[in-house]
Amino acid sequence: MERPTIHDVAREAQVSLATVDRVLNARGGVAAKSIDKVQRAVEKTGYVRDQFAANLSRGRGYQFVFLLPAGQSSFVRSLIAAIGDEAQRVRKDRINVDVRSSKTFDSAAQVAALRRIDPEQTDCAAVMVSDVPEVRSELARLRGAGVRILSLVSDVAAPGRDIYVGPDNEVAGRMAGSFMGRFMRNPIGSVLVIAGSLAARDHAQRLFGFRQVIASEFPGLNVLPVTEGFDDARRVAAIAQQAMADAPLMGVYAIGAGNAGLLSAMKNTNSAFRPVTILHELTDAARKGLRSDLFDLVIDQDPARAVTRAMSIMRDLADGATADAGRGDIPLNIFIKENVQ
């Protein structure tokens, strides 16, 4: 069965196409009686307005902003590359994409960057920011001004966003904990956890899932107090080297980025005492670590897939649609030495 068209609405309401167009686009100059006729005809025919086509016919474009962490970690660089590719693909649809950055894990810088987003010039913003009150407040302000908000990779609590696009980070942490214990012949001893920042909700959720599994399934393992590396390779290297010098480690779980530093630390470790090492995101450093048997497992999400999904949802949000939460789910992939490219 064909979808009802604007012609069907006009025929049912017994008004002109121009009148239907004025009512649907709230242009004014239409009598209340005619507005009522059109609204009733829309309900009766089941007409669903194609907002995208309507925008194109009026020459209206879409303005999207991506706000990502500065510092250019390998993962963020892959996101930027994917956004660039997708922006080229959707340019024909009058979608303009602006990629901006704010200092990594710096809530004050993130708030300042959010305040520079002009609600009059922005339909939707995809953000990768800290889940802290001052940032959520600024996101809520933007939403109140009419900007639709999508959290990308790392979620923020309501009312800061319309939808989250990314993996289930608690599940990712549980996977890390499960593989960590299974890879050990005798899971007894200490495990080092290096986060980027626990103000990032994805890192906090991964840690929560990891601790749950270790506590319930591998009680012989002692998860050391979490150290924040702030996704800085030098800092991560120093943390790992110091921890391995202080006492033998059974495992290392790197929640965030900066894993080129972890790779450097592992190269300087006595191979006889190398801990089971699990991390996130299949970056160049992660590939090198897997191939050289310095890393055991990488839990990865596909940044290109996340960006494509995000852009599609952003267009729907900009058109006033609601997006089912399930649309934002991005699956996780597991890589070991044998299947890494």
Protein backbone atom coordinates (compact mmCIF):
# COMPACT_ATOMS: atom_id res chain seq x y z
CA MET A 1 0.00 0.00 0.00
CA GLU A 2 1.36 3.40 -0.97
CA ARG A 3 1.97 6.03 1.69
CA PRO A 4 -0.58 8.88 1.82
CA THR A 5 0.65 12.07 0.17
CA ILE A 6 -0.04 15.77 0.55
CA HIS A 7 -2.43 15.40 -2.43
CA ASP A 8 -4.50 12.89 -0.44
CA VAL A 9 -4.67 15.31 2.48
CA ALA A 10 -5.79 18.18 0.23
CA ARG A 11 -8.43 15.96 -1.42
CA GLU A 12 -9.79 14.77 1.93
CA ALA A 13 -9.84 18.28 3.43
CA GLN A 14 -11.24 19.78 0.20
CA VAL A 15 -8.67 22.57 0.25
CA SER A 16 -5.81 23.53 -2.06
CA LEU A 17 -2.29 22.11 -1.93
CA ALA A 18 -1.07 25.58 -1.00
CA THR A 19 -3.35 25.63 2.03
CA VAL A 20 -2.12 22.22 3.18
CA ASP A 21 1.47 23.39 2.76
CA ARG A 22 0.81 26.52 4.82
CA VAL A 23 -0.78 24.51 7.63
CA LEU A 24 1.93 21.84 7.73
CA ASN A 25 4.69 24.47 7.77
CA ALA A 26 2.86 26.84 10.18
CA ARG A 27 3.19 29.76 7.77
CA GLY A 28 0.02 31.51 8.86
CA GLY A 29 -2.60 33.23 6.74
CA VAL A 30 -5.01 30.27 6.96
CA ALA A 31 -8.48 30.42 8.49
CA ALA A 32 -9.05 28.40 11.66
CA LYS A 33 -11.73 26.35 9.87
CA SER A 34 -9.29 25.35 7.12
CA ILE A 35 -6.58 24.48 9.67
CA ASP A 36 -9.03 22.18 11.41
CA LYS A 37 -9.95 20.54 8.09
CA VAL A 38 -6.31 19.87 7.25
CA GLN A 39 -5.53 18.48 10.71
CA ARG A 40 -8.50 16.14 10.55
CA ALA A 41 -7.52 15.03 7.04
CA VAL A 42 -3.97 14.28 8.23
CA GLU A 43 -5.35 12.07 11.00
CA LYS A 44 -7.84 10.30 8.71
CA THR A 45 -5.42 9.60 5.87
CA GLY A 46 -2.53 8.65 8.16
CA TYR A 47 -0.27 11.09 6.34
CA VAL A 48 3.26 11.22 7.76
CA ARG A 49 5.21 14.27 6.83
CA ASP A 50 8.62 13.72 5.27
CA GLN A 51 10.43 16.48 7.12
CA PHE A 52 13.69 15.78 5.33
CA ALA A 53 12.12 16.25 1.89
CA ALA A 54 10.31 19.34 3.11
CA ASN A 55 13.54 20.86 4.32
CA LEU A 56 15.27 20.20 1.02
CA SER A 57 12.39 21.69 -0.96
CA ARG A 58 12.69 24.90 1.05
CA GLY A 59 16.47 24.94 0.72
CA ARG A 60 16.96 24.43 4.45
CA GLY A 61 20.07 22.58 5.59
CA TYR A 62 21.07 20.83 8.78
CA GLN A 63 23.74 22.14 11.14
CA PHE A 64 25.44 19.48 13.27
CA VAL A 65 28.23 19.95 15.82
CA PHE A 66 30.53 17.23 17.16
CA LEU A 67 32.33 18.17 20.39
CA LEU A 68 35.21 15.76 21.04
CA PRO A 69 38.15 15.64 23.47
CA ALA A 70 41.27 17.50 22.45
CA GLY A 71 44.67 15.84 22.66
CA GLN A 72 44.12 13.66 19.62
CA SER A 73 44.33 10.15 21.08
CA SER A 74 44.36 7.41 18.45
CA PHE A 75 40.71 6.66 19.14
CA VAL A 76 39.65 10.30 18.83
CA ARG A 77 41.63 10.59 15.59
CA SER A 78 39.74 7.60 14.22
CA LEU A 79 36.44 9.26 15.22
CA ILE A 80 37.43 12.49 13.47
CA ALA A 81 38.39 10.58 10.33
CA ALA A 82 35.05 8.74 10.37
CA ILE A 83 33.15 12.01 10.85
CA GLY A 84 35.01 13.51 7.89
CA ASP A 85 34.12 10.56 5.67
CA GLU A 86 30.47 10.62 6.71
CA ALA A 87 30.25 14.41 6.34
CA GLN A 88 31.39 14.08 2.73
CA ARG A 89 28.80 11.39 2.09
CA VAL A 90 25.87 13.40 3.49
CA ARG A 91 26.85 16.79 2.07
CA LYS A 92 24.46 16.23 -0.82
CA ASP A 93 21.65 16.17 1.77
CA ARG A 94 22.51 19.72 2.88
CA ILE A 95 24.07 18.50 6.13
CA ASN A 96 26.89 20.68 7.42
CA VAL A 97 29.13 19.17 10.10
CA ASP A 98 31.35 21.19 12.42
CA VAL A 99 33.92 19.27 14.54
CA ARG A 100 35.12 21.06 17.67
CA SER A 101 37.21 20.08 20.68
CA SER A 102 37.65 20.84 24.35
CA LYS A 103 40.42 19.87 26.76
CA THR A 104 40.18 16.21 27.71
CA PHE A 105 38.50 15.56 31.09
CA ASP A 106 38.41 19.31 31.83
CA SER A 107 34.81 20.12 32.78
CA ALA A 108 35.39 23.90 32.79
CA ALA A 109 36.75 23.74 29.24
CA GLN A 110 33.84 21.56 28.19
CA VAL A 111 31.32 24.01 29.63
CA ALA A 112 33.06 26.86 27.80
CA ALA A 113 32.96 24.91 24.54
CA LEU A 114 29.27 24.11 25.00
CA ARG A 115 28.52 27.78 25.61
CA ARG A 116 30.09 28.58 22.24
CA ILE A 117 27.47 26.44 20.48
CA ASP A 118 24.90 28.83 19.03
CA PRO A 119 21.36 27.40 19.42
CA GLU A 120 20.21 29.58 16.54
CA GLN A 121 22.75 27.95 14.22
CA THR A 122 22.73 24.36 15.52
CA ASP A 123 20.13 21.64 15.05
CA CYS A 124 21.90 18.86 16.91
CA ALA A 125 25.14 18.35 18.83
CA ALA A 126 26.95 15.07 19.47
CA VAL A 127 29.15 15.36 22.53
CA MET A 128 31.85 13.32 24.24
CA VAL A 129 32.12 15.04 27.62
CA SER A 130 32.43 14.38 31.35
CA ASP A 131 29.33 13.32 33.24
CA VAL A 132 29.49 16.00 35.95
CA PRO A 133 26.79 18.43 37.17
CA GLU A 134 28.16 21.58 35.54
CA VAL A 135 28.40 19.90 32.12
CA ARG A 136 24.95 18.33 32.42
CA SER A 137 23.54 21.72 33.35
CA GLU A 138 24.98 23.30 30.21
CA LEU A 139 23.68 20.46 28.06
CA ALA A 140 20.23 20.90 29.59
CA ARG A 141 20.40 24.62 28.77
CA LEU A 142 21.16 23.84 25.13
CA ARG A 143 18.31 21.35 24.98
CA GLY A 144 15.99 23.96 26.45
CA ALA A 145 17.07 26.32 23.66
CA GLY A 146 16.06 23.75 21.04
CA VAL A 147 19.35 21.93 20.34
CA ARG A 148 18.99 18.15 20.31
CA ILE A 149 21.82 16.44 22.18
CA LEU A 150 23.39 13.07 21.46
CA SER A 151 26.05 11.66 23.80
CA LEU A 152 28.69 9.72 21.88
CA VAL A 153 30.82 6.81 23.20
CA SER A 154 30.53 8.07 26.80
CA ASP A 155 27.06 8.72 28.17
CA VAL A 156 25.77 11.52 30.38
CA ALA A 157 22.78 11.31 32.68
CA ALA A 158 19.39 12.81 31.87
CA PRO A 159 18.34 15.53 31.29
CA GLY A 160 21.64 16.20 29.55
CA ARG A 161 20.89 14.35 26.31
CA ASP A 162 18.21 12.93 24.04
CA ILE A 163 19.96 9.65 23.25
CA TYR A 164 23.26 7.84 23.78
CA VAL A 165 25.16 6.27 20.87
CA GLY A 166 27.91 3.87 21.84
CA PRO A 167 28.60 0.51 23.44
CA ASP A 168 27.31 -0.74 26.77
CA ASN A 169 30.37 0.17 28.82
CA GLU A 170 29.33 -1.76 31.90
CA VAL A 171 29.13 -4.90 29.76
CA ALA A 172 32.55 -4.04 28.34
CA GLY A 173 33.97 -3.94 31.85
CA ARG A 174 32.35 -7.24 32.73
CA MET A 175 33.88 -8.80 29.63
CA ALA A 176 37.30 -7.51 30.68
CA GLY A 177 36.91 -8.99 34.15
CA SER A 178 35.75 -12.34 32.83
CA PHE A 179 38.61 -12.70 30.34
CA MET A 180 41.12 -11.43 32.90
CA GLY A 181 40.36 -14.25 35.33
CA ARG A 182 40.06 -16.92 32.63
CA PHE A 183 43.46 -16.08 31.14
CA MET A 184 45.17 -16.74 34.49
CA ARG A 185 46.18 -20.24 35.47
CA ASN A 186 45.90 -19.33 39.13
CA PRO A 187 43.85 -16.13 39.58
CA ILE A 188 45.35 -15.00 42.86
CA GLY A 189 47.18 -11.69 43.27
CA SER A 190 46.92 -8.01 42.43
CA VAL A 191 45.41 -6.30 39.38
CA LEU A 192 46.31 -2.77 38.33
CA VAL A 193 43.53 -0.65 36.83
CA ILE A 194 44.43 2.51 34.89
CA ALA A 195 41.49 4.77 34.01
CA GLY A 196 41.53 7.95 31.98
CA SER A 197 39.25 9.77 34.39
CA LEU A 198 36.38 8.44 36.45
CA ALA A 199 34.52 11.67 35.64
CA ALA A 200 34.06 10.08 32.22
CA ARG A 201 31.00 7.90 32.53
CA ASP A 202 32.28 5.23 30.15
CA HIS A 203 35.38 4.74 32.32
CA ALA A 204 33.33 4.63 35.54
CA GLN A 205 30.90 2.12 34.02
CA ARG A 206 33.71 -0.12 32.74
CA LEU A 207 35.30 -0.11 36.18
CA PHE A 208 31.99 -0.98 37.84
CA GLY A 209 31.40 -3.95 35.54
CA PHE A 210 35.00 -5.14 35.91
CA ARG A 211 34.89 -5.04 39.70
CA GLN A 212 31.56 -6.87 39.77
CA VAL A 213 32.91 -9.85 37.86
CA ILE A 214 36.25 -10.00 39.69
CA ALA A 215 34.53 -9.90 43.09
CA SER A 216 31.96 -12.56 42.24
CA GLU A 217 33.97 -14.93 40.05
CA PHE A 218 37.63 -14.43 40.98
CA PRO A 219 37.75 -13.51 44.67
CA GLY A 220 41.46 -14.36 44.83
CA LEU A 221 42.23 -11.27 42.75
CA ASN A 222 42.75 -7.95 44.49
CA VAL A 223 41.88 -4.91 42.38
CA LEU A 224 44.26 -2.15 43.44
CA PRO A 225 43.02 1.43 43.93
CA VAL A 226 42.34 2.91 40.51
CA THR A 227 44.93 5.30 39.10
CA GLU A 228 43.91 7.97 36.57
CA GLY A 229 46.22 8.35 33.58
CA PHE A 230 44.15 11.08 31.88
CA ASP A 231 44.75 9.32 28.54
CA ASP A 232 48.34 10.58 28.54
CA ALA A 233 50.84 8.01 27.23
CA ARG A 234 53.74 9.22 29.40
CA ARG A 235 51.63 9.22 32.53
CA VAL A 236 50.23 5.77 31.74
CA ALA A 237 53.78 4.43 31.18
CA ALA A 238 54.97 5.85 34.49
CA ILE A 239 51.98 4.40 36.37
CA ALA A 240 52.46 0.93 34.90
CA GLN A 241 56.23 0.88 35.38
CA GLN A 242 55.96 2.00 39.01
CA ALA A 243 53.23 -0.52 39.83
CA MET A 244 55.18 -3.42 38.31
CA ALA A 245 58.32 -2.33 40.16
CA ASP A 246 56.50 -2.17 43.49
CA ALA A 247 55.18 -5.74 43.44
CA PRO A 248 54.36 -8.55 41.01
CA LEU A 249 51.07 -7.99 39.18
CA MET A 250 48.74 -10.70 37.93
CA GLY A 251 46.86 -8.36 35.62
CA VAL A 252 46.60 -4.89 34.12
CA TYR A 253 43.29 -3.43 32.94
CA ALA A 254 43.62 -0.20 30.95
CA ILE A 255 40.19 1.44 30.79
CA GLY A 256 41.10 4.53 28.78
CA ALA A 257 43.54 5.70 26.12
CA GLY A 258 47.27 6.47 26.21
CA ASN A 259 48.10 2.83 25.62
CA ALA A 260 51.26 3.59 23.65
CA GLY A 261 52.66 4.28 27.13
CA LEU A 262 51.40 0.94 28.41
CA LEU A 263 53.05 -0.78 25.46
CA SER A 264 56.36 0.91 26.31
CA ALA A 265 56.08 -0.20 29.93
CA MET A 266 55.37 -3.80 28.94
CA LYS A 267 58.42 -3.90 26.67
CA ASN A 268 60.56 -3.18 29.71
CA THR A 269 58.98 -5.92 31.81
CA ASN A 270 60.56 -9.29 32.55
CA SER A 271 58.62 -11.62 30.27
CA ALA A 272 58.52 -14.30 32.97
CA PHE A 273 56.39 -12.04 35.14
CA ARG A 274 54.34 -10.23 32.52
CA PRO A 275 50.77 -9.65 33.75
CA VAL A 276 47.65 -10.48 31.77
CA THR A 277 46.86 -7.20 30.02
CA ILE A 278 43.45 -6.16 28.68
CA LEU A 279 42.56 -2.80 27.16
CA HIS A 280 40.05 -0.97 24.99
CA GLU A 281 40.05 0.27 21.39
CA LEU A 282 42.01 -1.33 18.54
CA THR A 283 44.56 1.43 17.95
CA ASP A 284 47.99 1.05 16.35
CA ALA A 285 49.57 0.61 19.80
CA ALA A 286 46.99 -2.06 20.68
CA ARG A 287 47.72 -3.96 17.45
CA LYS A 288 51.46 -3.88 18.13
CA GLY A 289 50.92 -5.10 21.67
CA LEU A 290 48.77 -8.03 20.55
CA ARG A 291 51.14 -9.07 17.78
CA SER A 292 54.14 -9.00 20.11
CA ASP A 293 52.37 -10.91 22.93
CA LEU A 294 52.57 -7.91 25.26
CA PHE A 295 48.81 -7.43 25.33
CA ASP A 296 46.34 -10.31 25.65
CA LEU A 297 43.00 -8.92 24.55
CA VAL A 298 41.45 -5.73 23.18
CA ILE A 299 37.75 -4.85 23.51
CA ASP A 300 36.88 -2.65 20.56
CA GLN A 301 34.01 -0.58 19.21
CA ASP A 302 33.80 0.45 15.57
CA PRO A 303 34.10 4.27 15.44
CA ALA A 304 32.93 4.44 11.81
CA ARG A 305 29.78 2.53 12.67
CA ALA A 306 29.13 4.77 15.68
CA VAL A 307 29.51 7.92 13.57
CA THR A 308 27.22 6.66 10.80
CA ARG A 309 24.59 5.71 13.35
CA ALA A 310 24.98 9.02 15.17
CA MET A 311 24.58 11.08 12.01
CA SER A 312 21.42 9.22 11.03
CA ILE A 313 19.90 9.72 14.46
CA MET A 314 20.94 13.38 14.56
CA ARG A 315 19.01 14.04 11.36
CA ASP A 316 15.91 12.41 12.82
CA LEU A 317 16.25 14.38 16.05
CA ALA A 318 16.68 17.61 14.09
CA ASP A 319 13.43 16.82 12.29
CA GLY A 320 11.61 16.58 15.60
CA ALA A 321 11.42 12.80 15.75
CA THR A 322 12.06 10.71 18.83
CA ALA A 323 14.75 8.05 18.65
CA ASP A 324 14.34 4.69 20.32
CA ALA A 325 17.20 4.10 22.77
CA GLY A 326 18.04 0.80 21.09
CA ARG A 327 19.10 2.62 17.92
CA GLY A 328 22.17 3.91 19.71
CA ASP A 329 23.57 0.49 20.64
CA ILE A 330 27.00 -0.18 19.15
CA PRO A 331 28.28 -3.79 19.43
CA LEU A 332 31.61 -4.70 20.98
CA ASN A 333 34.31 -6.70 19.21
CA ILE A 334 37.03 -8.86 20.73
CA PHE A 335 40.56 -9.00 19.34
CA ILE A 336 43.43 -11.28 20.30
CA LYS A 337 46.71 -11.99 18.55
CA GLU A 338 45.15 -14.55 16.23
CA ASN A 339 42.46 -12.31 14.68
CA VAL A 340 44.05 -8.85 14.70
CA GLN A 341 44.66 -7.34 11.27
